[in-house]
Every structure is written in C-alpha cells, then in structure tokens.
Amino acid sequence: MILRTDVPAQPWTGRDDGPGEEHLRWHGAVTSWPDDPAAGTPALIGFRSDEGVRRNRGRPGAALGPVAVRAALASLALPPSGPSRVYDAGDVVVSGSDLEAAQHRLGVAITGMLDRGHPVAVLGGGHEVAFGTYLGVAASAAVRAGARCGVLNLDAHFDLRADTTPSSGTPFLQMARQERAHGRALRYAVVGIAQPSNTTALFTTATELGVRYLLDDECRIAHLPDVETFVGEFLATVDLVHLTVDLDVLPAAIAPGVSAPAAYGVPLEVVQHVCDLVARSGRLAVAEIAELNPAFDIDDRTARTAARLVHRLVTGRHTGRSIGAP
C-alpha cells in the first residue's frame, strides 16, 4: 500500500538497555511505513499545522507538536504484551496558509490506513487536525457501509465557532455541516468544557446540534462515576469512535505548552480514565492528540503527558484496551 505524506518518517532514537523484547522501547519498535504493511499494526501519522490556531488568533507553534511527541515517546518502555511493531507514516504539512489542502491529504491517508485495518494515532498540530481526521473516517469503508461514527472530544472548548474562515475553533461545526449534507446528524460529545472559555452563542449552538457535554467542574476525581456514565451512554450510540484530545483540557500545571492554557482544567487521572474507557470498548478507530505547542512547554511536561496518552492508547489494544474497530 502506497501512502503519501509530505515529510517521510525520520529515524527514531532513544535509550537502549540491550537486545531482546524485555528491553524494548518505542524507538526499537517503530519502523517507517512499508510498501506491504501488515494489517492490524498500529500506525502513527503527524499533522504539522498551526495555521488553524493562527486564524483563531491563538499562539502559533503547534506545527512542531508531532516532532515533540515522537521525541517524548521514543524512550518509553513497551509492555511485554506488545506491540512489537508500530508504523510511522511521517507527517502531513500545511504549506503556507493552505490548511484545507493539508486536511484533505490527511484524510486520504487516514482512510487508506483504516481500510487496511490499521489502528491510527494522529499527532497534531492545532485542533484543526480534527477536521482532517474526520474526513478520513467519514470516507472509510466502514462508515460507507453504514457504521455509526461518533466524535468524543476531551477539550475545554466546543470548537463550534461559526466563522467564515475555518480554523482551530471551527472543526466540529464543519463536521456537523458535512454530516448534514450526507443526511446524518453529528454524534458529538465533549468532556471538560470550561464555561468561561465558551460564549453563550457557543452553548446555544451546542444545544441546537444536540451536543452532550460535561463541564470541567463536573469532571473531578470525586465525579468519576458520573464521567463513566456519560462516556458509557455515548459509546452505546456508536459503532466507531473518533477520539480527540485537546491538551488544553488539562490544568496548565500539567499542560503549559498549549495555545490556551487552562486556569482550572480536568485532572490527568480523569482524562486518562476516559481514554481507557473508550479503548476498552473496542470501538476506537482513530485517536488524536492536538494543540501541543513546544515553544511554551516547561520541562517537556506537555509533550510527556501527550506521549503517555498515546502510549496508553496504542499499547492498550494488547492489554485489553483495544484501539481497533470491532
């Protein structure tokens, strides 16, 4: 299978404790996308973009996110149950201000991966990556055959802005309009909405679209049973999940390296638990990490947190937390 990206995968390096799978770390498991990939092997693809953030008047720098996540992943130890191999397909890159063309290229690549049976992890990039991922899932054979796909967003923001120019603040409204054009309603739920970061107009749009959400106040560790119920009810309505994690859902002390650091945020324990719930469901088709901005990171905190979440999702399919579609 030929897969075209703008920047091919670069060699991975990291700590080496010796030969054998008992010493295996990510850098020893990752290979560049091959000509004849084995179905079922997890795959990574990056989206180097901060054009959407720039259009949304945020802090640019997220284009370097995929490189930073890979660097943080490289020396993480893989569990005994695997995977022993992960494919890196390289990065799609926004050229100049042409965000839309790059989103289309990302979508084409993701469709190809999904149709060959590869669990996909997407490394952003600003949250405009979500619309490119959506295009890939929506064009997949499973959705064309009638599978119900839903989007679960861990985020402080709805990203439902009705701006005339697409940006990191518009992807889910774009999805809703695209779904409507296909005679479907967008199944969209959000965990971690910060009320002060979303105008009344955005809450109104969410209500009109039937979006279900939990406020960050409702996502404390003490509220974990309610979070589990919320996620469980969402999972019951879909066959496939597009999971998207905007790192600004986390407290600024955990994730300072984002465009809009959270004054409050959802604890990492809760975010990780939601990821586990989705992965265990067996419905997870694509997981993406968005908004990592290395220029504003402190001691690589945000990159390490992003890497931990990717690590947990990708290795989860081998430890009872499946990342593949049923």
C-alpha atoms as a PDB file:
ATOM      1  CA  MET A   1       0.000   0.000   0.000  1.00  0.00           C
ATOM      2  CA  ILE A   2       1.479   3.333  -1.077  1.00  0.00           C
ATOM      3  CA  LEU A   3       0.868   6.053   1.493  1.00  0.00           C
ATOM      4  CA  ARG A   4       1.850   9.605   0.637  1.00  0.00           C
ATOM      5  CA  THR A   5       2.770  12.177   3.253  1.00  0.00           C
ATOM      6  CA  ASP A   6       4.730  15.402   2.885  1.00  0.00           C
ATOM      7  CA  VAL A   7       7.624  14.519   5.205  1.00  0.00           C
ATOM      8  CA  PRO A   8       8.691  10.874   5.466  1.00  0.00           C
ATOM      9  CA  ALA A   9       9.223   9.279   8.863  1.00  0.00           C
ATOM     10  CA  GLN A  10      12.604  10.057  10.392  1.00  0.00           C
ATOM     11  CA  PRO A  11      14.716   7.502  12.290  1.00  0.00           C
ATOM     12  CA  TRP A  12      13.762   7.096  15.960  1.00  0.00           C
ATOM     13  CA  THR A  13      16.466   7.005  18.621  1.00  0.00           C
ATOM     14  CA  GLY A  14      16.414   6.696  22.398  1.00  0.00           C
ATOM     15  CA  ARG A  15      17.715   4.904  25.471  1.00  0.00           C
ATOM     16  CA  ASP A  16      18.991   1.390  24.737  1.00  0.00           C
ATOM     17  CA  ASP A  17      19.241  -1.107  27.589  1.00  0.00           C
ATOM     18  CA  GLY A  18      20.241  -4.060  25.430  1.00  0.00           C
ATOM     19  CA  PRO A  19      18.800  -6.581  22.955  1.00  0.00           C
ATOM     20  CA  GLY A  20      15.633  -8.586  23.415  1.00  0.00           C
ATOM     21  CA  GLU A  21      11.960  -7.714  23.805  1.00  0.00           C
ATOM     22  CA  GLU A  22      12.391  -7.400  27.571  1.00  0.00           C
ATOM     23  CA  HIS A  23      14.279  -4.158  26.846  1.00  0.00           C
ATOM     24  CA  LEU A  24      12.005  -2.944  24.058  1.00  0.00           C
ATOM     25  CA  ARG A  25      11.224   0.755  23.887  1.00  0.00           C
ATOM     26  CA  TRP A  26       9.254   2.695  21.338  1.00  0.00           C
ATOM     27  CA  HIS A  27      12.273   3.624  19.241  1.00  0.00           C
ATOM     28  CA  GLY A  28      13.045  -0.064  18.825  1.00  0.00           C
ATOM     29  CA  ALA A  29       9.513  -0.907  17.701  1.00  0.00           C
ATOM     30  CA  VAL A  30       8.864   1.924  15.244  1.00  0.00           C
ATOM     31  CA  THR A  31       9.583   1.441  11.557  1.00  0.00           C
ATOM     32  CA  SER A  32       8.797   3.645   8.582  1.00  0.00           C
ATOM     33  CA  TRP A  33       5.615   2.846   6.692  1.00  0.00           C
ATOM     34  CA  PRO A  34       6.487  -0.171   4.479  1.00  0.00           C
ATOM     35  CA  ASP A  35       5.344  -0.951   0.951  1.00  0.00           C
ATOM     36  CA  ASP A  36       3.462  -4.014   2.218  1.00  0.00           C
ATOM     37  CA  PRO A  37       2.199  -3.156   5.729  1.00  0.00           C
ATOM     38  CA  ALA A  38       0.837  -5.899   7.966  1.00  0.00           C
ATOM     39  CA  ALA A  39      -2.853  -5.316   8.760  1.00  0.00           C
ATOM     40  CA  GLY A  40      -3.572  -4.643  12.414  1.00  0.00           C
ATOM     41  CA  THR A  41      -0.232  -2.965  13.118  1.00  0.00           C
ATOM     42  CA  PRO A  42      -0.721   0.376  14.908  1.00  0.00           C
ATOM     43  CA  ALA A  43       0.204   3.393  12.808  1.00  0.00           C
ATOM     44  CA  LEU A  44       1.182   6.969  13.579  1.00  0.00           C
ATOM     45  CA  ILE A  45       0.765   9.982  11.330  1.00  0.00           C
ATOM     46  CA  GLY A  46       1.590  13.593  12.147  1.00  0.00           C
ATOM     47  CA  PHE A  47      -0.107  16.823  11.120  1.00  0.00           C
ATOM     48  CA  ARG A  48       2.240  19.798  11.239  1.00  0.00           C
ATOM     49  CA  SER A  49      -0.059  22.774  11.412  1.00  0.00           C
ATOM     50  CA  ASP A  50      -0.673  25.894  13.388  1.00  0.00           C
ATOM     51  CA  GLU A  51      -2.457  27.697  10.562  1.00  0.00           C
ATOM     52  CA  GLY A  52      -5.797  26.998  12.236  1.00  0.00           C
ATOM     53  CA  VAL A  53      -4.503  28.365  15.528  1.00  0.00           C
ATOM     54  CA  ARG A  54      -3.196  31.459  13.758  1.00  0.00           C
ATOM     55  CA  ARG A  55      -6.588  32.019  12.121  1.00  0.00           C
ATOM     56  CA  ASN A  56      -8.208  31.598  15.540  1.00  0.00           C
ATOM     57  CA  ARG A  57      -5.844  34.248  16.950  1.00  0.00           C
ATOM     58  CA  GLY A  58      -4.082  31.792  19.247  1.00  0.00           C
ATOM     59  CA  ARG A  59      -0.395  31.289  19.991  1.00  0.00           C
ATOM     60  CA  PRO A  60       1.321  29.662  16.977  1.00  0.00           C
ATOM     61  CA  GLY A  61       3.825  26.837  17.414  1.00  0.00           C
ATOM     62  CA  ALA A  62       1.704  23.672  17.314  1.00  0.00           C
ATOM     63  CA  ALA A  63       3.256  22.705  13.963  1.00  0.00           C
ATOM     64  CA  LEU A  64       6.203  21.356  15.965  1.00  0.00           C
ATOM     65  CA  GLY A  65       3.916  19.186  18.102  1.00  0.00           C
ATOM     66  CA  PRO A  66       4.364  15.916  16.168  1.00  0.00           C
ATOM     67  CA  VAL A  67       8.154  16.112  16.462  1.00  0.00           C
ATOM     68  CA  ALA A  68       7.940  16.778  20.207  1.00  0.00           C
ATOM     69  CA  VAL A  69       5.516  13.900  20.848  1.00  0.00           C
ATOM     70  CA  ARG A  70       7.742  11.453  18.981  1.00  0.00           C
ATOM     71  CA  ALA A  71      10.771  12.606  20.974  1.00  0.00           C
ATOM     72  CA  ALA A  72       8.884  12.073  24.230  1.00  0.00           C
ATOM     73  CA  LEU A  73       7.607   8.661  23.099  1.00  0.00           C
ATOM     74  CA  ALA A  74      10.934   7.311  21.883  1.00  0.00           C
ATOM     75  CA  SER A  75      12.347   6.039  25.187  1.00  0.00           C
ATOM     76  CA  LEU A  76       9.087   4.870  26.775  1.00  0.00           C
ATOM     77  CA  ALA A  77       9.216   1.154  27.571  1.00  0.00           C
ATOM     78  CA  LEU A  78       6.731  -1.102  25.818  1.00  0.00           C
ATOM     79  CA  PRO A  79       4.842  -3.689  27.904  1.00  0.00           C
ATOM     80  CA  PRO A  80       5.502  -7.437  27.483  1.00  0.00           C
ATOM     81  CA  SER A  81       2.230  -7.855  25.610  1.00  0.00           C
ATOM     82  CA  GLY A  82       3.325  -5.521  22.836  1.00  0.00           C
ATOM     83  CA  PRO A  83       3.003  -4.163  20.299  1.00  0.00           C
ATOM     84  CA  SER A  84       6.412  -5.193  18.998  1.00  0.00           C
ATOM     85  CA  ARG A  85       5.989  -3.073  15.883  1.00  0.00           C
ATOM     86  CA  VAL A  86       4.485   0.353  15.132  1.00  0.00           C
ATOM     87  CA  TYR A  87       4.460   2.056  11.749  1.00  0.00           C
ATOM     88  CA  ASP A  88       5.313   5.737  11.373  1.00  0.00           C
ATOM     89  CA  ALA A  89       3.837   7.213   8.200  1.00  0.00           C
ATOM     90  CA  GLY A  90       5.543  10.595   8.587  1.00  0.00           C
ATOM     91  CA  ASP A  91       3.811  13.964   8.556  1.00  0.00           C
ATOM     92  CA  VAL A  92       1.337  15.934   6.508  1.00  0.00           C
ATOM     93  CA  VAL A  93       2.472  19.574   6.464  1.00  0.00           C
ATOM     94  CA  VAL A  94       0.451  22.739   5.901  1.00  0.00           C
ATOM     95  CA  SER A  95       2.175  24.642   3.124  1.00  0.00           C
ATOM     96  CA  GLY A  96       1.846  28.381   3.601  1.00  0.00           C
ATOM     97  CA  SER A  97      -1.746  29.094   4.566  1.00  0.00           C
ATOM     98  CA  ASP A  98      -3.321  26.226   2.609  1.00  0.00           C
ATOM     99  CA  LEU A  99      -4.848  24.414   5.568  1.00  0.00           C
ATOM    100  CA  GLU A 100      -7.722  22.899   3.614  1.00  0.00           C
ATOM    101  CA  ALA A 101      -5.496  21.031   1.140  1.00  0.00           C
ATOM    102  CA  ALA A 102      -3.463  19.563   4.001  1.00  0.00           C
ATOM    103  CA  GLN A 103      -6.609  18.441   5.826  1.00  0.00           C
ATOM    104  CA  HIS A 104      -7.693  16.674   2.635  1.00  0.00           C
ATOM    105  CA  ARG A 105      -4.317  14.910   2.310  1.00  0.00           C
ATOM    106  CA  LEU A 106      -4.501  13.815   5.940  1.00  0.00           C
ATOM    107  CA  GLY A 107      -7.987  12.463   5.369  1.00  0.00           C
ATOM    108  CA  VAL A 108      -6.912  10.445   2.323  1.00  0.00           C
ATOM    109  CA  ALA A 109      -4.037   8.898   4.264  1.00  0.00           C
ATOM    110  CA  ILE A 110      -6.239   8.010   7.251  1.00  0.00           C
ATOM    111  CA  THR A 111      -8.881   6.418   5.028  1.00  0.00           C
ATOM    112  CA  GLY A 112      -6.207   4.211   3.495  1.00  0.00           C
ATOM    113  CA  MET A 113      -4.921   3.170   6.918  1.00  0.00           C
ATOM    114  CA  LEU A 114      -8.368   2.374   8.294  1.00  0.00           C
ATOM    115  CA  ASP A 115      -9.419   0.426   5.231  1.00  0.00           C
ATOM    116  CA  ARG A 116      -6.316  -1.756   5.628  1.00  0.00           C
ATOM    117  CA  GLY A 117      -7.176  -2.465   9.261  1.00  0.00           C
ATOM    118  CA  HIS A 118      -4.615  -0.230  10.978  1.00  0.00           C
ATOM    119  CA  PRO A 119      -5.407   1.390  14.327  1.00  0.00           C
ATOM    120  CA  VAL A 120      -4.428   5.041  13.812  1.00  0.00           C
ATOM    121  CA  ALA A 121      -2.965   7.618  16.189  1.00  0.00           C
ATOM    122  CA  VAL A 122      -2.734  11.164  14.823  1.00  0.00           C
ATOM    123  CA  LEU A 123      -0.205  13.598  16.267  1.00  0.00           C
ATOM    124  CA  GLY A 124      -1.163  17.284  15.963  1.00  0.00           C
ATOM    125  CA  GLY A 125      -0.841  20.110  15.284  1.00  0.00           C
ATOM    126  CA  GLY A 126      -3.553  22.565  16.185  1.00  0.00           C
ATOM    127  CA  HIS A 127      -7.074  21.275  16.726  1.00  0.00           C
ATOM    128  CA  GLU A 128      -7.837  21.926  13.073  1.00  0.00           C
ATOM    129  CA  VAL A 129      -6.329  18.426  12.728  1.00  0.00           C
ATOM    130  CA  ALA A 130      -9.710  17.086  13.887  1.00  0.00           C
ATOM    131  CA  PHE A 131     -11.473  18.004  10.645  1.00  0.00           C
ATOM    132  CA  GLY A 132      -8.785  16.303   8.560  1.00  0.00           C
ATOM    133  CA  THR A 133      -9.134  13.175  10.695  1.00  0.00           C
ATOM    134  CA  TYR A 134     -12.908  13.329  10.347  1.00  0.00           C
ATOM    135  CA  LEU A 135     -12.605  13.427   6.555  1.00  0.00           C
ATOM    136  CA  GLY A 136     -10.567  10.226   6.719  1.00  0.00           C
ATOM    137  CA  VAL A 137     -13.008   8.409   8.995  1.00  0.00           C
ATOM    138  CA  ALA A 138     -16.084   9.594   7.081  1.00  0.00           C
ATOM    139  CA  ALA A 139     -14.664   8.244   3.795  1.00  0.00           C
ATOM    140  CA  SER A 140     -13.677   4.878   5.287  1.00  0.00           C
ATOM    141  CA  ALA A 141     -15.259   1.649   4.079  1.00  0.00           C
ATOM    142  CA  ALA A 142     -16.833   1.019   7.488  1.00  0.00           C
ATOM    143  CA  VAL A 143     -18.727   4.328   7.520  1.00  0.00           C
ATOM    144  CA  ARG A 144     -19.703   3.991   3.872  1.00  0.00           C
ATOM    145  CA  ALA A 145     -21.157   0.594   4.805  1.00  0.00           C
ATOM    146  CA  GLY A 146     -23.320   2.194   7.482  1.00  0.00           C
ATOM    147  CA  ALA A 147     -21.241   2.130  10.672  1.00  0.00           C
ATOM    148  CA  ARG A 148     -22.292   4.844  13.111  1.00  0.00           C
ATOM    149  CA  CYS A 149     -19.289   7.020  13.942  1.00  0.00           C
ATOM    150  CA  GLY A 150     -19.173   9.445  16.863  1.00  0.00           C
ATOM    151  CA  VAL A 151     -16.663  12.052  17.976  1.00  0.00           C
ATOM    152  CA  LEU A 152     -15.644  12.233  21.634  1.00  0.00           C
ATOM    153  CA  ASN A 153     -13.671  15.364  22.407  1.00  0.00           C
ATOM    154  CA  LEU A 154     -11.707  15.987  25.615  1.00  0.00           C
ATOM    155  CA  ASP A 155     -11.471  19.740  25.479  1.00  0.00           C
ATOM    156  CA  ALA A 156     -12.070  22.985  27.328  1.00  0.00           C
ATOM    157  CA  HIS A 157     -13.757  24.356  24.181  1.00  0.00           C
ATOM    158  CA  PHE A 158     -16.661  23.318  21.961  1.00  0.00           C
ATOM    159  CA  ASP A 159     -14.789  24.461  18.814  1.00  0.00           C
ATOM    160  CA  LEU A 160     -18.157  25.157  17.165  1.00  0.00           C
ATOM    161  CA  ARG A 161     -17.407  28.697  16.007  1.00  0.00           C
ATOM    162  CA  ALA A 162     -19.445  29.885  13.040  1.00  0.00           C
ATOM    163  CA  ASP A 163     -16.546  31.802  11.494  1.00  0.00           C
ATOM    164  CA  THR A 164     -16.469  32.191   7.724  1.00  0.00           C
ATOM    165  CA  THR A 165     -12.847  31.026   7.650  1.00  0.00           C
ATOM    166  CA  PRO A 166     -12.130  27.521   9.031  1.00  0.00           C
ATOM    167  CA  SER A 167      -9.735  27.465  11.978  1.00  0.00           C
ATOM    168  CA  SER A 168      -8.860  25.519  15.114  1.00  0.00           C
ATOM    169  CA  GLY A 169     -12.110  26.887  16.563  1.00  0.00           C
ATOM    170  CA  THR A 170     -14.430  25.553  13.837  1.00  0.00           C
ATOM    171  CA  PRO A 171     -13.762  21.832  13.163  1.00  0.00           C
ATOM    172  CA  PHE A 172     -16.801  20.350  14.893  1.00  0.00           C
ATOM    173  CA  LEU A 173     -19.246  22.750  13.268  1.00  0.00           C
ATOM    174  CA  GLN A 174     -17.612  21.851   9.950  1.00  0.00           C
ATOM    175  CA  MET A 175     -18.208  18.184  10.783  1.00  0.00           C
ATOM    176  CA  ALA A 176     -21.843  18.851  11.690  1.00  0.00           C
ATOM    177  CA  ARG A 177     -22.449  20.621   8.388  1.00  0.00           C
ATOM    178  CA  GLN A 178     -20.713  17.859   6.439  1.00  0.00           C
ATOM    179  CA  GLU A 179     -22.766  15.190   8.206  1.00  0.00           C
ATOM    180  CA  ARG A 180     -25.965  17.120   7.500  1.00  0.00           C
ATOM    181  CA  ALA A 181     -25.024  17.217   3.812  1.00  0.00           C
ATOM    182  CA  HIS A 182     -24.874  13.410   3.927  1.00  0.00           C
ATOM    183  CA  GLY A 183     -28.250  13.165   5.642  1.00  0.00           C
ATOM    184  CA  ARG A 184     -26.796  12.356   9.058  1.00  0.00           C
ATOM    185  CA  ALA A 185     -26.560  14.114  12.413  1.00  0.00           C
ATOM    186  CA  LEU A 186     -23.155  14.504  14.030  1.00  0.00           C
ATOM    187  CA  ARG A 187     -22.785  12.372  17.143  1.00  0.00           C
ATOM    188  CA  TYR A 188     -20.585  14.683  19.205  1.00  0.00           C
ATOM    189  CA  ALA A 189     -19.840  14.720  22.932  1.00  0.00           C
ATOM    190  CA  VAL A 190     -17.342  16.787  24.927  1.00  0.00           C
ATOM    191  CA  VAL A 191     -15.696  16.166  28.285  1.00  0.00           C
ATOM    192  CA  GLY A 192     -14.184  19.148  30.107  1.00  0.00           C
ATOM    193  CA  ILE A 193     -15.943  22.266  28.798  1.00  0.00           C
ATOM    194  CA  ALA A 194     -14.794  25.419  30.626  1.00  0.00           C
ATOM    195  CA  GLN A 195     -17.768  27.768  30.893  1.00  0.00           C
ATOM    196  CA  PRO A 196     -15.664  30.978  30.979  1.00  0.00           C
ATOM    197  CA  SER A 197     -13.961  29.908  27.724  1.00  0.00           C
ATOM    198  CA  ASN A 198     -17.195  29.445  25.744  1.00  0.00           C
ATOM    199  CA  THR A 199     -19.688  32.189  24.925  1.00  0.00           C
ATOM    200  CA  THR A 200     -23.436  31.851  25.295  1.00  0.00           C
ATOM    201  CA  ALA A 201     -23.611  31.630  21.493  1.00  0.00           C
ATOM    202  CA  LEU A 202     -21.426  28.513  21.550  1.00  0.00           C
ATOM    203  CA  PHE A 203     -23.587  26.871  24.226  1.00  0.00           C
ATOM    204  CA  THR A 204     -26.633  27.692  22.088  1.00  0.00           C
ATOM    205  CA  THR A 205     -25.029  26.118  19.016  1.00  0.00           C
ATOM    206  CA  ALA A 206     -24.173  23.038  21.061  1.00  0.00           C
ATOM    207  CA  THR A 207     -27.776  22.731  22.205  1.00  0.00           C
ATOM    208  CA  GLU A 208     -29.106  23.163  18.671  1.00  0.00           C
ATOM    209  CA  LEU A 209     -26.801  20.397  17.428  1.00  0.00           C
ATOM    210  CA  GLY A 210     -27.705  18.050  20.272  1.00  0.00           C
ATOM    211  CA  VAL A 211     -24.168  18.055  21.652  1.00  0.00           C
ATOM    212  CA  ARG A 212     -23.804  16.366  25.038  1.00  0.00           C
ATOM    213  CA  TYR A 213     -21.113  17.752  27.338  1.00  0.00           C
ATOM    214  CA  LEU A 214     -19.677  17.749  30.831  1.00  0.00           C
ATOM    215  CA  LEU A 215     -18.288  20.940  32.348  1.00  0.00           C
ATOM    216  CA  ASP A 216     -14.811  20.829  33.857  1.00  0.00           C
ATOM    217  CA  ASP A 217     -16.475  21.335  37.274  1.00  0.00           C
ATOM    218  CA  GLU A 218     -18.239  18.008  36.697  1.00  0.00           C
ATOM    219  CA  CYS A 219     -15.035  16.130  35.865  1.00  0.00           C
ATOM    220  CA  ARG A 220     -13.282  15.992  39.229  1.00  0.00           C
ATOM    221  CA  ILE A 221     -11.999  12.658  40.534  1.00  0.00           C
ATOM    222  CA  ALA A 222     -14.904  12.592  43.003  1.00  0.00           C
ATOM    223  CA  HIS A 223     -17.264  12.661  39.986  1.00  0.00           C
ATOM    224  CA  LEU A 224     -15.639   9.721  38.200  1.00  0.00           C
ATOM    225  CA  PRO A 225     -18.805   7.545  38.293  1.00  0.00           C
ATOM    226  CA  ASP A 226     -20.738  10.325  36.534  1.00  0.00           C
ATOM    227  CA  VAL A 227     -17.976  10.648  33.924  1.00  0.00           C
ATOM    228  CA  GLU A 228     -18.085   6.890  33.356  1.00  0.00           C
ATOM    229  CA  THR A 229     -21.868   7.031  32.879  1.00  0.00           C
ATOM    230  CA  PHE A 230     -21.541   9.911  30.412  1.00  0.00           C
ATOM    231  CA  VAL A 231     -18.915   8.097  28.337  1.00  0.00           C
ATOM    232  CA  GLY A 232     -20.806   4.816  28.518  1.00  0.00           C
ATOM    233  CA  GLU A 233     -24.009   6.434  27.240  1.00  0.00           C
ATOM    234  CA  PHE A 234     -22.101   7.965  24.337  1.00  0.00           C
ATOM    235  CA  LEU A 235     -20.431   4.666  23.442  1.00  0.00           C
ATOM    236  CA  ALA A 236     -23.807   2.939  23.379  1.00  0.00           C
ATOM    237  CA  THR A 237     -24.875   5.154  20.444  1.00  0.00           C
ATOM    238  CA  VAL A 238     -21.928   4.473  18.101  1.00  0.00           C
ATOM    239  CA  ASP A 239     -20.054   1.698  16.348  1.00  0.00           C
ATOM    240  CA  LEU A 240     -16.817   3.624  15.819  1.00  0.00           C
ATOM    241  CA  VAL A 241     -15.196   6.393  17.862  1.00  0.00           C
ATOM    242  CA  HIS A 242     -13.025   9.260  16.717  1.00  0.00           C
ATOM    243  CA  LEU A 243     -11.350  10.244  19.995  1.00  0.00           C
ATOM    244  CA  THR A 244      -9.725  13.651  20.032  1.00  0.00           C
ATOM    245  CA  VAL A 245      -7.764  15.041  22.976  1.00  0.00           C
ATOM    246  CA  ASP A 246      -7.067  18.770  23.022  1.00  0.00           C
ATOM    247  CA  LEU A 247      -4.317  19.083  25.606  1.00  0.00           C
ATOM    248  CA  ASP A 248      -5.745  22.390  26.837  1.00  0.00           C
ATOM    249  CA  VAL A 249      -8.366  20.309  28.669  1.00  0.00           C
ATOM    250  CA  LEU A 250      -5.668  19.626  31.273  1.00  0.00           C
ATOM    251  CA  PRO A 251      -4.621  22.039  34.037  1.00  0.00           C
ATOM    252  CA  ALA A 252      -1.896  24.484  32.995  1.00  0.00           C
ATOM    253  CA  ALA A 253       0.483  22.970  35.555  1.00  0.00           C
ATOM    254  CA  ILE A 254       0.276  19.663  33.659  1.00  0.00           C
ATOM    255  CA  ALA A 255      -0.010  21.092  30.142  1.00  0.00           C
ATOM    256  CA  PRO A 256       1.538  24.569  29.905  1.00  0.00           C
ATOM    257  CA  GLY A 257       2.600  24.023  26.303  1.00  0.00           C
ATOM    258  CA  VAL A 258      -0.701  24.754  24.550  1.00  0.00           C
ATOM    259  CA  SER A 259      -2.264  27.711  22.772  1.00  0.00           C
ATOM    260  CA  ALA A 260      -4.738  28.421  25.605  1.00  0.00           C
ATOM    261  CA  PRO A 261      -3.568  27.053  28.994  1.00  0.00           C
ATOM    262  CA  ALA A 262      -6.391  26.095  31.366  1.00  0.00           C
ATOM    263  CA  ALA A 263      -6.838  28.012  34.602  1.00  0.00           C
ATOM    264  CA  TYR A 264      -8.743  25.035  36.059  1.00  0.00           C
ATOM    265  CA  GLY A 265      -8.785  22.006  33.784  1.00  0.00           C
ATOM    266  CA  VAL A 266      -9.629  18.316  34.096  1.00  0.00           C
ATOM    267  CA  PRO A 267      -7.239  16.158  36.169  1.00  0.00           C
ATOM    268  CA  LEU A 268      -4.933  13.895  34.180  1.00  0.00           C
ATOM    269  CA  GLU A 269      -6.312  10.891  36.074  1.00  0.00           C
ATOM    270  CA  VAL A 270      -9.774  11.596  34.661  1.00  0.00           C
ATOM    271  CA  VAL A 271      -8.528  12.237  31.121  1.00  0.00           C
ATOM    272  CA  GLN A 272      -6.540   9.011  31.179  1.00  0.00           C
ATOM    273  CA  HIS A 273      -9.518   7.086  32.547  1.00  0.00           C
ATOM    274  CA  VAL A 274     -11.765   8.347  29.749  1.00  0.00           C
ATOM    275  CA  CYS A 275      -9.161   7.198  27.221  1.00  0.00           C
ATOM    276  CA  ASP A 276      -9.150   3.777  28.884  1.00  0.00           C
ATOM    277  CA  LEU A 277     -12.941   3.529  28.790  1.00  0.00           C
ATOM    278  CA  VAL A 278     -13.045   4.300  25.078  1.00  0.00           C
ATOM    279  CA  ALA A 279     -10.197   1.933  24.257  1.00  0.00           C
ATOM    280  CA  ARG A 280     -11.731  -0.930  26.242  1.00  0.00           C
ATOM    281  CA  SER A 281     -14.954  -0.553  24.282  1.00  0.00           C
ATOM    282  CA  GLY A 282     -13.334  -1.944  21.140  1.00  0.00           C
ATOM    283  CA  ARG A 283     -14.912   0.890  19.146  1.00  0.00           C
ATOM    284  CA  LEU A 284     -11.899   3.188  18.880  1.00  0.00           C
ATOM    285  CA  ALA A 285     -10.982   3.741  15.233  1.00  0.00           C
ATOM    286  CA  VAL A 286      -8.762   6.839  15.474  1.00  0.00           C
ATOM    287  CA  ALA A 287      -7.225   8.699  18.395  1.00  0.00           C
ATOM    288  CA  GLU A 288      -5.583  12.083  18.033  1.00  0.00           C
ATOM    289  CA  ILE A 289      -3.641  14.446  20.266  1.00  0.00           C
ATOM    290  CA  ALA A 290      -3.911  18.159  19.475  1.00  0.00           C
ATOM    291  CA  GLU A 291      -2.580  21.581  20.456  1.00  0.00           C
ATOM    292  CA  LEU A 292       0.873  20.636  21.791  1.00  0.00           C
ATOM    293  CA  ASN A 293       2.969  23.802  21.428  1.00  0.00           C
ATOM    294  CA  PRO A 294       6.602  23.042  22.350  1.00  0.00           C
ATOM    295  CA  ALA A 295       7.534  26.738  22.308  1.00  0.00           C
ATOM    296  CA  PHE A 296       5.548  27.254  25.522  1.00  0.00           C
ATOM    297  CA  ASP A 297       6.242  23.927  27.200  1.00  0.00           C
ATOM    298  CA  ILE A 298       8.093  23.719  30.529  1.00  0.00           C
ATOM    299  CA  ASP A 299      10.479  20.786  31.119  1.00  0.00           C
ATOM    300  CA  ASP A 300       8.625  18.939  28.327  1.00  0.00           C
ATOM    301  CA  ARG A 301       5.639  18.470  30.670  1.00  0.00           C
ATOM    302  CA  THR A 302       3.031  18.743  27.938  1.00  0.00           C
ATOM    303  CA  ALA A 303       4.978  16.592  25.480  1.00  0.00           C
ATOM    304  CA  ARG A 304       5.487  13.889  28.122  1.00  0.00           C
ATOM    305  CA  THR A 305       1.805  13.953  29.015  1.00  0.00           C
ATOM    306  CA  ALA A 306       0.827  13.680  25.354  1.00  0.00           C
ATOM    307  CA  ALA A 307       3.266  10.807  24.908  1.00  0.00           C
ATOM    308  CA  ARG A 308       1.830   8.972  27.916  1.00  0.00           C
ATOM    309  CA  LEU A 309      -1.683   9.212  26.485  1.00  0.00           C
ATOM    310  CA  VAL A 310      -0.560   8.000  23.035  1.00  0.00           C
ATOM    311  CA  HIS A 311       1.423   5.190  24.675  1.00  0.00           C
ATOM    312  CA  ARG A 312      -1.565   4.095  26.714  1.00  0.00           C
ATOM    313  CA  LEU A 313      -3.935   4.110  23.737  1.00  0.00           C
ATOM    314  CA  VAL A 314      -1.606   2.300  21.337  1.00  0.00           C
ATOM    315  CA  THR A 315      -0.441  -0.337  23.804  1.00  0.00           C
ATOM    316  CA  GLY A 316      -3.978  -0.716  25.124  1.00  0.00           C
ATOM    317  CA  ARG A 317      -5.066  -2.953  22.250  1.00  0.00           C
ATOM    318  CA  HIS A 318      -2.620  -5.563  23.567  1.00  0.00           C
ATOM    319  CA  THR A 319      -3.689  -5.272  27.209  1.00  0.00           C
ATOM    320  CA  GLY A 320      -7.463  -5.317  26.950  1.00  0.00           C
ATOM    321  CA  ARG A 321      -7.865  -1.679  25.918  1.00  0.00           C
ATOM    322  CA  SER A 322      -8.398  -2.182  22.187  1.00  0.00           C
ATOM    323  CA  ILE A 323      -7.786   0.686  19.773  1.00  0.00           C
ATOM    324  CA  GLY A 324      -9.230  -1.169  16.792  1.00  0.00           C
ATOM    325  CA  ALA A 325     -12.722  -1.114  15.379  1.00  0.00           C
ATOM    326  CA  PRO A 326     -14.728  -4.303  16.051  1.00  0.00           C
END
